[in-house]
Amino acid sequence: MPLFQAMRRLQQAGEVHAKRLSRFGGLTPMQLMILQVLAGEKRLTASDLSGRVSLTAATLSGMLDRLEEHGLLQRQRDDQDRRRQWLLLSDAGRALMQQAPSLLPPEFRQRFAALSDWERHSLTAALLRAAELCGEMD
């Protein structure tokens, strides 16, 4: 029961912050995460990106379509291999990411940063392990 309660509290906090994030450009946290990953790279393929954001190819494809419709990313065919398609942030996407809020709530980031190194590593490892126990989800 305590484990379920803790997971429920995390879920509720995530939902509240997701609503706050949606006020920023009407994007979901996952869409912001996709743009954030692309902002950190020159270009990526969809398969590379799906592994980085833990989404199936089918789920990611729909999100990429919506981001492209909003003019936030571009798809570019590879010059050598026309079957390969690169994903890049558009100028509008880059401008948006310069103003984008953090994916984590500010109060969480502050409290997390105040923890000692071993606590941050331990908590991160525990959350990653808990996510692993939940199986394939997106």
Protein backbone atom coordinates (compact mmCIF):
# COMPACT_ATOMS: atom_id res chain seq x y z
CA MET A 1 0.00 0.00 0.00
CA PRO A 2 2.74 2.60 0.77
CA LEU A 3 4.37 1.86 -2.60
CA PHE A 4 1.09 2.42 -4.43
CA GLN A 5 0.48 5.65 -2.49
CA ALA A 6 3.95 6.93 -3.38
CA MET A 7 3.44 6.06 -7.05
CA ARG A 8 0.04 7.78 -7.00
CA ARG A 9 1.56 10.95 -5.50
CA LEU A 10 4.19 10.98 -8.23
CA GLN A 11 1.49 10.52 -10.86
CA GLN A 12 -0.60 13.36 -9.44
CA ALA A 13 2.39 15.70 -9.29
CA GLY A 14 3.22 14.78 -12.88
CA GLU A 15 -0.32 15.48 -14.03
CA VAL A 16 -0.39 18.89 -12.32
CA HIS A 17 2.93 19.88 -13.87
CA ALA A 18 1.82 18.54 -17.28
CA LYS A 19 -1.17 20.92 -17.15
CA ARG A 20 1.21 23.81 -16.38
CA LEU A 21 3.46 22.79 -19.26
CA SER A 22 0.53 22.55 -21.68
CA ARG A 23 -0.03 26.28 -21.21
CA PHE A 24 3.34 26.75 -22.91
CA GLY A 25 2.57 26.52 -26.61
CA GLY A 26 -0.08 23.83 -26.07
CA LEU A 27 2.58 21.12 -26.08
CA THR A 28 2.56 17.97 -24.00
CA PRO A 29 5.52 17.07 -21.78
CA MET A 30 6.47 14.32 -24.27
CA GLN A 31 6.43 16.76 -27.17
CA LEU A 32 8.64 19.13 -25.18
CA MET A 33 10.96 16.25 -24.34
CA ILE A 34 11.24 15.32 -28.03
CA LEU A 35 12.10 18.92 -28.91
CA GLN A 36 14.58 19.07 -26.03
CA VAL A 37 16.39 15.96 -27.26
CA LEU A 38 16.47 17.32 -30.81
CA ALA A 39 17.78 20.67 -29.51
CA GLY A 40 20.75 18.84 -28.02
CA GLU A 41 21.61 17.10 -31.29
CA LYS A 42 22.39 18.31 -34.77
CA ARG A 43 20.04 15.70 -36.24
CA LEU A 44 18.60 12.30 -35.36
CA THR A 45 16.68 9.55 -37.09
CA ALA A 46 13.26 8.62 -35.73
CA SER A 47 14.57 5.25 -34.55
CA ASP A 48 17.42 6.92 -32.59
CA LEU A 49 14.96 9.41 -31.12
CA SER A 50 12.45 6.71 -30.11
CA GLY A 51 15.13 5.02 -28.01
CA ARG A 52 16.14 8.30 -26.40
CA VAL A 53 12.59 9.22 -25.36
CA SER A 54 11.33 5.68 -24.66
CA LEU A 55 8.46 5.70 -27.15
CA THR A 56 7.48 3.12 -29.71
CA ALA A 57 7.95 4.07 -33.35
CA ALA A 58 4.18 4.25 -33.89
CA THR A 59 3.58 6.59 -30.94
CA LEU A 60 6.54 8.77 -31.86
CA SER A 61 5.42 9.01 -35.49
CA GLY A 62 2.13 10.68 -34.52
CA MET A 63 3.90 13.13 -32.25
CA LEU A 64 6.43 13.99 -34.94
CA ASP A 65 3.59 14.65 -37.40
CA ARG A 66 1.97 17.11 -34.95
CA LEU A 67 5.27 18.87 -34.22
CA GLU A 68 5.94 19.17 -37.95
CA GLU A 69 2.42 20.58 -38.51
CA HIS A 70 3.19 23.22 -35.84
CA GLY A 71 6.38 24.08 -37.75
CA LEU A 72 8.65 23.05 -34.87
CA LEU A 73 10.62 20.34 -36.62
CA GLN A 74 11.64 19.38 -40.12
CA ARG A 75 12.29 16.06 -41.81
CA GLN A 76 15.16 15.91 -44.22
CA ARG A 77 16.12 13.06 -46.58
CA ASP A 78 19.69 11.82 -46.33
CA ASP A 79 21.77 12.73 -49.41
CA GLN A 80 23.50 9.33 -49.60
CA ASP A 81 20.66 7.04 -48.49
CA ARG A 82 17.26 8.35 -49.60
CA ARG A 83 15.53 5.81 -47.31
CA ARG A 84 16.98 7.56 -44.25
CA GLN A 85 15.20 10.60 -42.92
CA TRP A 86 16.73 13.06 -40.46
CA LEU A 87 14.77 15.00 -37.86
CA LEU A 88 15.90 18.55 -37.15
CA LEU A 89 14.54 21.42 -35.11
CA SER A 90 13.19 24.23 -37.25
CA ASP A 91 14.09 27.83 -36.46
CA ALA A 92 10.70 28.16 -34.74
CA GLY A 93 11.42 25.03 -32.70
CA ARG A 94 14.82 26.37 -31.67
CA ALA A 95 13.29 29.70 -30.64
CA LEU A 96 10.59 27.90 -28.65
CA MET A 97 13.16 25.74 -26.82
CA GLN A 98 15.06 28.83 -25.69
CA GLN A 99 11.94 29.86 -23.77
CA ALA A 100 10.68 26.39 -22.79
CA PRO A 101 10.05 25.60 -19.13
CA SER A 102 11.77 22.68 -17.44
CA LEU A 103 10.16 19.26 -17.75
CA LEU A 104 10.47 18.93 -13.97
CA PRO A 105 8.64 21.25 -11.56
CA PRO A 106 10.91 24.01 -10.19
CA GLU A 107 10.31 23.03 -6.56
CA PHE A 108 11.33 19.44 -7.32
CA ARG A 109 14.48 20.59 -9.13
CA GLN A 110 15.46 22.79 -6.17
CA ARG A 111 14.87 20.06 -3.59
CA PHE A 112 16.60 17.44 -5.72
CA ALA A 113 19.63 19.70 -6.24
CA ALA A 114 19.87 20.20 -2.47
CA LEU A 115 20.34 16.45 -1.91
CA SER A 116 23.81 15.02 -1.55
CA ASP A 117 25.37 13.32 -4.58
CA TRP A 118 24.80 9.82 -3.21
CA GLU A 119 21.11 10.61 -2.51
CA ARG A 120 20.57 11.97 -6.04
CA HIS A 121 22.24 8.91 -7.59
CA SER A 122 20.36 6.53 -5.32
CA LEU A 123 16.99 8.15 -6.00
CA THR A 124 17.63 8.24 -9.73
CA ALA A 125 18.64 4.57 -9.74
CA ALA A 126 15.56 3.60 -7.71
CA LEU A 127 13.20 5.48 -10.04
CA LEU A 128 14.83 3.97 -13.12
CA ARG A 129 14.51 0.52 -11.60
CA ALA A 130 10.85 1.13 -10.67
CA ALA A 131 10.15 2.24 -14.26
CA GLU A 132 11.90 -0.91 -15.49
CA LEU A 133 9.66 -3.04 -13.26
CA CYS A 134 6.60 -1.45 -14.85
CA GLY A 135 7.61 -2.94 -18.20
CA GLU A 136 7.22 -1.48 -21.65
CA MET A 137 4.93 1.50 -21.35
CA ASP A 138 4.50 4.74 -23.26
